[in-house]
Amino acid sequence: MNDIVMARTSLFRQPASQPASQPASQPASQPASPPAFANLITSFFLRKTWLTIIVMMIG
């Protein structure tokens, strides 16, 4: 369970070297908010984990 919490916190951490404004030379195909996908994956795994825990407690 601690591994999931650690993975979750590391996903939301922004790199310190990232500039405040995006450079103009950056390709336009890059997504505007990279953490959005990480949030989706994290919420899916957390939901799955909680469902597993509840099922184990009931059954």
PDB file of N, CA and C in Angstrom:
ATOM      1  N   MET A   1       0.828  -1.203   0.000  1.00  0.00           N
ATOM      2  CA  MET A   1       0.000   0.000   0.000  1.00  0.00           C
ATOM      3  C   MET A   1       0.869   1.262   0.000  1.00  0.00           C
ATOM      4  N   ASN A   2       1.984   1.233   0.740  1.00  0.00           N
ATOM      5  CA  ASN A   2       2.880   2.384   0.763  1.00  0.00           C
ATOM      6  C   ASN A   2       3.473   2.656  -0.605  1.00  0.00           C
ATOM      7  N   ASP A   3       3.706   1.592  -1.398  1.00  0.00           N
ATOM      8  CA  ASP A   3       4.258   1.769  -2.740  1.00  0.00           C
ATOM      9  C   ASP A   3       3.306   2.584  -3.604  1.00  0.00           C
ATOM     10  N   ILE A   4       2.005   2.330  -3.458  1.00  0.00           N
ATOM     11  CA  ILE A   4       1.012   3.059  -4.253  1.00  0.00           C
ATOM     12  C   ILE A   4       0.997   4.528  -3.851  1.00  0.00           C
ATOM     13  N   VAL A   5       1.076   4.792  -2.554  1.00  0.00           N
ATOM     14  CA  VAL A   5       1.081   6.179  -2.084  1.00  0.00           C
ATOM     15  C   VAL A   5       2.330   6.885  -2.580  1.00  0.00           C
ATOM     16  N   MET A   6       3.480   6.223  -2.529  1.00  0.00           N
ATOM     17  CA  MET A   6       4.723   6.812  -3.009  1.00  0.00           C
ATOM     18  C   MET A   6       4.648   7.079  -4.506  1.00  0.00           C
ATOM     19  N   ALA A   7       4.098   6.130  -5.255  1.00  0.00           N
ATOM     20  CA  ALA A   7       3.970   6.310  -6.699  1.00  0.00           C
ATOM     21  C   ALA A   7       3.047   7.480  -6.999  1.00  0.00           C
ATOM     22  N   ARG A   8       1.994   7.604  -6.215  1.00  0.00           N
ATOM     23  CA  ARG A   8       1.036   8.684  -6.441  1.00  0.00           C
ATOM     24  C   ARG A   8       1.683  10.044  -6.204  1.00  0.00           C
ATOM     25  N   THR A   9       2.436  10.175  -5.119  1.00  0.00           N
ATOM     26  CA  THR A   9       3.051  11.469  -4.826  1.00  0.00           C
ATOM     27  C   THR A   9       4.130  11.803  -5.842  1.00  0.00           C
ATOM     28  N   SER A  10       4.852  10.801  -6.344  1.00  0.00           N
ATOM     29  CA  SER A  10       5.897  11.083  -7.326  1.00  0.00           C
ATOM     30  C   SER A  10       5.307  11.484  -8.669  1.00  0.00           C
ATOM     31  N   LEU A  11       4.096  11.018  -8.979  1.00  0.00           N
ATOM     32  CA  LEU A  11       3.455  11.392 -10.241  1.00  0.00           C
ATOM     33  C   LEU A  11       3.078  12.868 -10.262  1.00  0.00           C
ATOM     34  N   PHE A  12       2.697  13.414  -9.108  1.00  0.00           N
ATOM     35  CA  PHE A  12       2.241  14.793  -9.073  1.00  0.00           C
ATOM     36  C   PHE A  12       3.385  15.790  -8.939  1.00  0.00           C
ATOM     37  N   ARG A  13       4.584  15.302  -8.648  1.00  0.00           N
ATOM     38  CA  ARG A  13       5.722  16.194  -8.458  1.00  0.00           C
ATOM     39  C   ARG A  13       6.195  16.745  -9.802  1.00  0.00           C
ATOM     40  N   GLN A  14       6.302  18.053  -9.901  1.00  0.00           N
ATOM     41  CA  GLN A  14       6.804  18.684 -11.123  1.00  0.00           C
ATOM     42  C   GLN A  14       8.332  18.763 -11.043  1.00  0.00           C
ATOM     43  N   PRO A  15       9.021  18.573 -12.166  1.00  0.00           N
ATOM     44  CA  PRO A  15      10.479  18.711 -12.144  1.00  0.00           C
ATOM     45  C   PRO A  15      10.881  20.149 -11.808  1.00  0.00           C
ATOM     46  N   ALA A  16      11.899  20.296 -10.974  1.00  0.00           N
ATOM     47  CA  ALA A  16      12.315  21.624 -10.518  1.00  0.00           C
ATOM     48  C   ALA A  16      12.941  22.436 -11.646  1.00  0.00           C
ATOM     49  N   SER A  17      13.498  21.767 -12.653  1.00  0.00           N
ATOM     50  CA  SER A  17      14.190  22.472 -13.729  1.00  0.00           C
ATOM     51  C   SER A  17      13.246  23.005 -14.804  1.00  0.00           C
ATOM     52  N   GLN A  18      11.956  22.720 -14.686  1.00  0.00           N
ATOM     53  CA  GLN A  18      10.999  23.152 -15.707  1.00  0.00           C
ATOM     54  C   GLN A  18      10.774  24.662 -15.612  1.00  0.00           C
ATOM     55  N   PRO A  19      10.923  25.376 -16.730  1.00  0.00           N
ATOM     56  CA  PRO A  19      10.718  26.829 -16.693  1.00  0.00           C
ATOM     57  C   PRO A  19       9.241  27.179 -16.496  1.00  0.00           C
ATOM     58  N   ALA A  20       8.988  28.376 -15.987  1.00  0.00           N
ATOM     59  CA  ALA A  20       7.613  28.803 -15.726  1.00  0.00           C
ATOM     60  C   ALA A  20       6.825  28.957 -17.022  1.00  0.00           C
ATOM     61  N   SER A  21       7.471  29.495 -18.056  1.00  0.00           N
ATOM     62  CA  SER A  21       6.792  29.648 -19.347  1.00  0.00           C
ATOM     63  C   SER A  21       7.401  28.677 -20.353  1.00  0.00           C
ATOM     64  N   GLN A  22       6.563  28.085 -21.174  1.00  0.00           N
ATOM     65  CA  GLN A  22       7.043  27.111 -22.150  1.00  0.00           C
ATOM     66  C   GLN A  22       7.786  27.839 -23.273  1.00  0.00           C
ATOM     67  N   PRO A  23       8.927  27.318 -23.712  1.00  0.00           N
ATOM     68  CA  PRO A  23       9.648  27.954 -24.823  1.00  0.00           C
ATOM     69  C   PRO A  23       8.858  27.840 -26.129  1.00  0.00           C
ATOM     70  N   ALA A  24       9.035  28.826 -27.013  1.00  0.00           N
ATOM     71  CA  ALA A  24       8.287  28.859 -28.274  1.00  0.00           C
ATOM     72  C   ALA A  24       8.735  27.749 -29.221  1.00  0.00           C
ATOM     73  N   SER A  25       9.948  27.234 -29.035  1.00  0.00           N
ATOM     74  CA  SER A  25      10.476  26.206 -29.930  1.00  0.00           C
ATOM     75  C   SER A  25       9.921  24.814 -29.631  1.00  0.00           C
ATOM     76  N   GLN A  26       9.125  24.692 -28.581  1.00  0.00           N
ATOM     77  CA  GLN A  26       8.571  23.392 -28.202  1.00  0.00           C
ATOM     78  C   GLN A  26       7.515  22.961 -29.221  1.00  0.00           C
ATOM     79  N   PRO A  27       7.515  21.679 -29.605  1.00  0.00           N
ATOM     80  CA  PRO A  27       6.523  21.223 -30.591  1.00  0.00           C
ATOM     81  C   PRO A  27       5.091  21.374 -30.078  1.00  0.00           C
ATOM     82  N   ALA A  28       4.190  21.720 -30.982  1.00  0.00           N
ATOM     83  CA  ALA A  28       2.798  21.967 -30.605  1.00  0.00           C
ATOM     84  C   ALA A  28       2.050  20.670 -30.309  1.00  0.00           C
ATOM     85  N   SER A  29       2.603  19.527 -30.751  1.00  0.00           N
ATOM     86  CA  SER A  29       1.917  18.249 -30.559  1.00  0.00           C
ATOM     87  C   SER A  29       1.977  17.761 -29.113  1.00  0.00           C
ATOM     88  N   GLN A  30       2.819  18.370 -28.303  1.00  0.00           N
ATOM     89  CA  GLN A  30       2.947  17.950 -26.906  1.00  0.00           C
ATOM     90  C   GLN A  30       1.703  18.379 -26.123  1.00  0.00           C
ATOM     91  N   PRO A  31       1.174  17.512 -25.252  1.00  0.00           N
ATOM     92  CA  PRO A  31      -0.031  17.881 -24.500  1.00  0.00           C
ATOM     93  C   PRO A  31       0.214  19.068 -23.573  1.00  0.00           C
ATOM     94  N   ALA A  32      -0.828  19.848 -23.351  1.00  0.00           N
ATOM     95  CA  ALA A  32      -0.701  21.062 -22.537  1.00  0.00           C
ATOM     96  C   ALA A  32      -0.492  20.730 -21.061  1.00  0.00           C
ATOM     97  N   SER A  33      -1.141  19.666 -20.570  1.00  0.00           N
ATOM     98  CA  SER A  33      -1.015  19.314 -19.154  1.00  0.00           C
ATOM     99  C   SER A  33      -0.639  17.838 -19.005  1.00  0.00           C
ATOM    100  N   PRO A  34       0.649  17.531 -18.963  1.00  0.00           N
ATOM    101  CA  PRO A  34       1.093  16.131 -18.831  1.00  0.00           C
ATOM    102  C   PRO A  34       0.581  15.423 -17.581  1.00  0.00           C
ATOM    103  N   PRO A  35       0.408  16.097 -16.419  1.00  0.00           N
ATOM    104  CA  PRO A  35      -0.073  15.365 -15.239  1.00  0.00           C
ATOM    105  C   PRO A  35      -1.500  14.834 -15.363  1.00  0.00           C
ATOM    106  N   ALA A  36      -2.272  15.335 -16.330  1.00  0.00           N
ATOM    107  CA  ALA A  36      -3.662  14.888 -16.457  1.00  0.00           C
ATOM    108  C   ALA A  36      -3.743  13.383 -16.692  1.00  0.00           C
ATOM    109  N   PHE A  37      -2.873  12.866 -17.545  1.00  0.00           N
ATOM    110  CA  PHE A  37      -2.867  11.431 -17.823  1.00  0.00           C
ATOM    111  C   PHE A  37      -2.431  10.652 -16.586  1.00  0.00           C
ATOM    112  N   ALA A  38      -1.436  11.166 -15.883  1.00  0.00           N
ATOM    113  CA  ALA A  38      -0.968  10.516 -14.653  1.00  0.00           C
ATOM    114  C   ALA A  38      -2.080  10.488 -13.606  1.00  0.00           C
ATOM    115  N   ASN A  39      -2.852  11.559 -13.526  1.00  0.00           N
ATOM    116  CA  ASN A  39      -3.980  11.599 -12.582  1.00  0.00           C
ATOM    117  C   ASN A  39      -5.007  10.534 -12.923  1.00  0.00           C
ATOM    118  N   LEU A  40      -5.264  10.365 -14.219  1.00  0.00           N
ATOM    119  CA  LEU A  40      -6.233   9.365 -14.660  1.00  0.00           C
ATOM    120  C   LEU A  40      -5.769   7.965 -14.274  1.00  0.00           C
ATOM    121  N   ILE A  41      -4.514   7.650 -14.558  1.00  0.00           N
ATOM    122  CA  ILE A  41      -3.957   6.330 -14.242  1.00  0.00           C
ATOM    123  C   ILE A  41      -3.963   6.102 -12.730  1.00  0.00           C
ATOM    124  N   THR A  42      -3.527   7.110 -11.982  1.00  0.00           N
ATOM    125  CA  THR A  42      -3.461   6.987 -10.523  1.00  0.00           C
ATOM    126  C   THR A  42      -4.838   6.749  -9.926  1.00  0.00           C
ATOM    127  N   SER A  43      -5.829   7.520 -10.380  1.00  0.00           N
ATOM    128  CA  SER A  43      -7.175   7.352  -9.821  1.00  0.00           C
ATOM    129  C   SER A  43      -7.728   5.971 -10.157  1.00  0.00           C
ATOM    130  N   PHE A  44      -7.399   5.473 -11.347  1.00  0.00           N
ATOM    131  CA  PHE A  44      -7.852   4.135 -11.727  1.00  0.00           C
ATOM    132  C   PHE A  44      -7.258   3.084 -10.789  1.00  0.00           C
ATOM    133  N   PHE A  45      -5.941   3.162 -10.549  1.00  0.00           N
ATOM    134  CA  PHE A  45      -5.289   2.167  -9.698  1.00  0.00           C
ATOM    135  C   PHE A  45      -5.736   2.285  -8.247  1.00  0.00           C
ATOM    136  N   LEU A  46      -5.952   3.515  -7.778  1.00  0.00           N
ATOM    137  CA  LEU A  46      -6.427   3.679  -6.403  1.00  0.00           C
ATOM    138  C   LEU A  46      -7.821   3.102  -6.244  1.00  0.00           C
ATOM    139  N   ARG A  47      -8.678   3.344  -7.239  1.00  0.00           N
ATOM    140  CA  ARG A  47     -10.027   2.787  -7.199  1.00  0.00           C
ATOM    141  C   ARG A  47      -9.972   1.266  -7.183  1.00  0.00           C
ATOM    142  N   LYS A  48      -9.117   0.711  -8.029  1.00  0.00           N
ATOM    143  CA  LYS A  48      -8.979  -0.744  -8.113  1.00  0.00           C
ATOM    144  C   LYS A  48      -8.472  -1.300  -6.777  1.00  0.00           C
ATOM    145  N   THR A  49      -7.524  -0.615  -6.170  1.00  0.00           N
ATOM    146  CA  THR A  49      -6.969  -1.058  -4.890  1.00  0.00           C
ATOM    147  C   THR A  49      -8.033  -1.047  -3.803  1.00  0.00           C
ATOM    148  N   TRP A  50      -8.803   0.049  -3.714  1.00  0.00           N
ATOM    149  CA  TRP A  50      -9.849   0.132  -2.692  1.00  0.00           C
ATOM    150  C   TRP A  50     -10.925  -0.912  -2.914  1.00  0.00           C
ATOM    151  N   LEU A  51     -11.284  -1.158  -4.171  1.00  0.00           N
ATOM    152  CA  LEU A  51     -12.279  -2.196  -4.455  1.00  0.00           C
ATOM    153  C   LEU A  51     -11.771  -3.556  -4.008  1.00  0.00           C
ATOM    154  N   THR A  52     -10.497  -3.828  -4.255  1.00  0.00           N
ATOM    155  CA  THR A  52      -9.906  -5.105  -3.843  1.00  0.00           C
ATOM    156  C   THR A  52      -9.937  -5.246  -2.325  1.00  0.00           C
ATOM    157  N   ILE A  53      -9.598  -4.173  -1.619  1.00  0.00           N
ATOM    158  CA  ILE A  53      -9.598  -4.207  -0.150  1.00  0.00           C
ATOM    159  C   ILE A  53     -11.009  -4.455   0.381  1.00  0.00           C
ATOM    160  N   ILE A  54     -11.990  -3.771  -0.191  1.00  0.00           N
ATOM    161  CA  ILE A  54     -13.379  -3.932   0.263  1.00  0.00           C
ATOM    162  C   ILE A  54     -13.873  -5.346  -0.005  1.00  0.00           C
ATOM    163  N   VAL A  55     -13.562  -5.874  -1.179  1.00  0.00           N
ATOM    164  CA  VAL A  55     -13.984  -7.240  -1.521  1.00  0.00           C
ATOM    165  C   VAL A  55     -13.339  -8.240  -0.567  1.00  0.00           C
ATOM    166  N   MET A  56     -12.069  -8.031  -0.221  1.00  0.00           N
ATOM    167  CA  MET A  56     -11.380  -8.936   0.708  1.00  0.00           C
ATOM    168  C   MET A  56     -12.006  -8.856   2.101  1.00  0.00           C
ATOM    169  N   MET A  57     -12.441  -7.673   2.510  1.00  0.00           N
ATOM    170  CA  MET A  57     -13.051  -7.513   3.833  1.00  0.00           C
ATOM    171  C   MET A  57     -14.428  -8.166   3.887  1.00  0.00           C
ATOM    172  N   ILE A  58     -15.194  -8.038   2.805  1.00  0.00           N
ATOM    173  CA  ILE A  58     -16.546  -8.611   2.771  1.00  0.00           C
ATOM    174  C   ILE A  58     -16.483 -10.132   2.643  1.00  0.00           C
ATOM    175  N   GLY A  59     -15.678 -10.585   1.674  1.00  0.00           N
ATOM    176  CA  GLY A  59     -15.616 -12.018   1.396  1.00  0.00           C
ATOM    177  C   GLY A  59     -14.595 -12.647   2.233  1.00  0.00           C
TER     178      GLY A  59
END
